Protein backbone atom coordinates (compact mmCIF):
# COMPACT_ATOMS: atom_id res chain seq x y z
CA MET A 1 -10.71 -13.45 -7.64
CA PHE A 2 -7.67 -11.97 -5.86
CA GLU A 3 -6.66 -9.97 -8.93
CA ALA A 4 -10.07 -8.29 -9.06
CA PHE A 5 -9.84 -7.43 -5.36
CA ALA A 6 -6.35 -5.96 -5.81
CA LEU A 7 -7.56 -3.89 -8.77
CA GLN A 8 -10.47 -2.60 -6.72
CA ILE A 9 -8.19 -1.57 -3.84
CA PHE A 10 -5.17 -0.18 -5.67
CA GLY A 11 -6.43 0.64 -9.16
CA LYS A 12 -4.69 -0.16 -12.43
CA ASP A 13 -3.00 3.26 -12.66
CA ARG A 14 -1.32 2.97 -9.25
CA LEU A 15 -0.12 -0.57 -9.93
CA ASP A 16 1.32 0.51 -13.28
CA ARG A 17 3.03 3.51 -11.69
CA ILE A 18 4.64 1.33 -9.01
CA GLY A 19 5.57 -1.34 -11.54
CA VAL A 20 3.51 -4.21 -10.14
CA SER A 21 1.41 -6.40 -12.40
CA VAL A 22 -2.15 -7.28 -11.47
CA LYS A 23 -1.32 -10.97 -11.84
CA GLU A 24 1.67 -10.69 -9.49
CA ILE A 25 -0.16 -8.87 -6.69
CA GLY A 26 -3.15 -11.20 -7.04
CA PHE A 27 -0.85 -14.20 -6.70
CA CYS A 28 0.87 -12.73 -3.63
CA LEU A 29 -2.41 -11.83 -1.94
CA GLY A 30 -3.87 -15.26 -2.64
CA SER A 31 -0.76 -17.01 -1.36
CA LEU A 32 -0.95 -15.08 1.90
CA ILE A 33 -4.67 -15.49 2.50
CA LYS A 34 -5.55 -18.85 0.92
CA PRO A 35 -2.42 -20.84 0.12
CA LYS A 36 -4.28 -24.15 -0.29
CA PHE A 37 -6.59 -22.56 -2.85
CA MET A 38 -3.61 -21.15 -4.75
CA LEU A 39 -1.94 -24.56 -4.86
CA GLN A 40 -5.04 -26.00 -6.56
CA GLN A 41 -5.02 -23.40 -9.34
CA PRO A 42 -3.84 -24.52 -12.78
CA SER A 43 -0.36 -23.32 -13.66
CA ASP A 44 2.09 -23.62 -16.54
CA ASN A 45 4.79 -24.88 -14.21
CA LYS A 46 3.30 -26.61 -11.16
CA LEU A 47 6.61 -26.98 -9.28
CA ILE A 48 7.48 -23.29 -9.50
CA ASN A 49 3.93 -22.37 -8.49
CA GLU A 50 4.06 -24.60 -5.40
CA ALA A 51 7.47 -23.26 -4.35
CA SER A 52 6.32 -19.66 -4.80
CA VAL A 53 3.15 -20.16 -2.76
CA ALA A 54 5.16 -21.82 0.03
CA ASN A 55 7.76 -19.03 0.06
CA ILE A 56 5.11 -16.32 0.31
CA TYR A 57 3.22 -18.25 2.99
CA PHE A 58 6.41 -18.67 5.02
CA TYR A 59 6.98 -14.89 5.05
CA LEU A 60 4.29 -14.71 7.70
CA TYR A 61 4.49 -18.02 9.49
CA LYS A 62 8.21 -18.90 9.59
CA PHE A 63 9.96 -15.66 10.49
CA SER A 64 13.62 -15.09 9.72
CA LEU A 65 15.60 -11.98 8.89
CA GLN A 66 16.34 -13.38 5.44
CA ARG A 67 12.63 -13.86 4.71
CA LEU A 68 11.91 -10.37 6.01
CA GLN A 69 14.50 -8.97 3.60
CA GLN A 70 12.98 -10.92 0.68
CA PHE A 71 9.52 -9.72 1.69
CA LEU A 72 10.59 -6.07 1.69
CA GLU A 73 12.41 -6.42 -1.65
CA SER A 74 9.16 -7.52 -3.32
CA LYS A 75 7.16 -4.53 -4.57
CA SER A 76 3.92 -6.52 -4.41
CA MET A 77 4.44 -7.65 -0.84
CA THR A 78 5.50 -4.18 0.31
CA LEU A 79 2.40 -2.66 -1.30
CA LEU A 80 0.16 -5.17 0.48
CA LEU A 81 1.93 -4.48 3.78
CA ALA A 82 1.50 -0.72 3.37
CA TYR A 83 -2.20 -1.11 2.60
CA TYR A 84 -3.02 -3.33 5.54
CA PHE A 85 -0.94 -1.48 8.11
């Protein structure tokens, strides 16, 4: 669902050029918008999935300079930020 939306917005060519996978940006977008839904999704490694969703969710809701730095170092998150602002 989130992957299709990201493809519609950014296009496969732009994502490839930037070096962001469709799966990665879909996961980041889903974790920001619907973290509970993302936690319910099947995953190969449930613990890593839960930690990743929580980290992405905390970028917005538990501000710190360290989290801001991690946010800006992520190509997927920076691309989403640029699109929405």
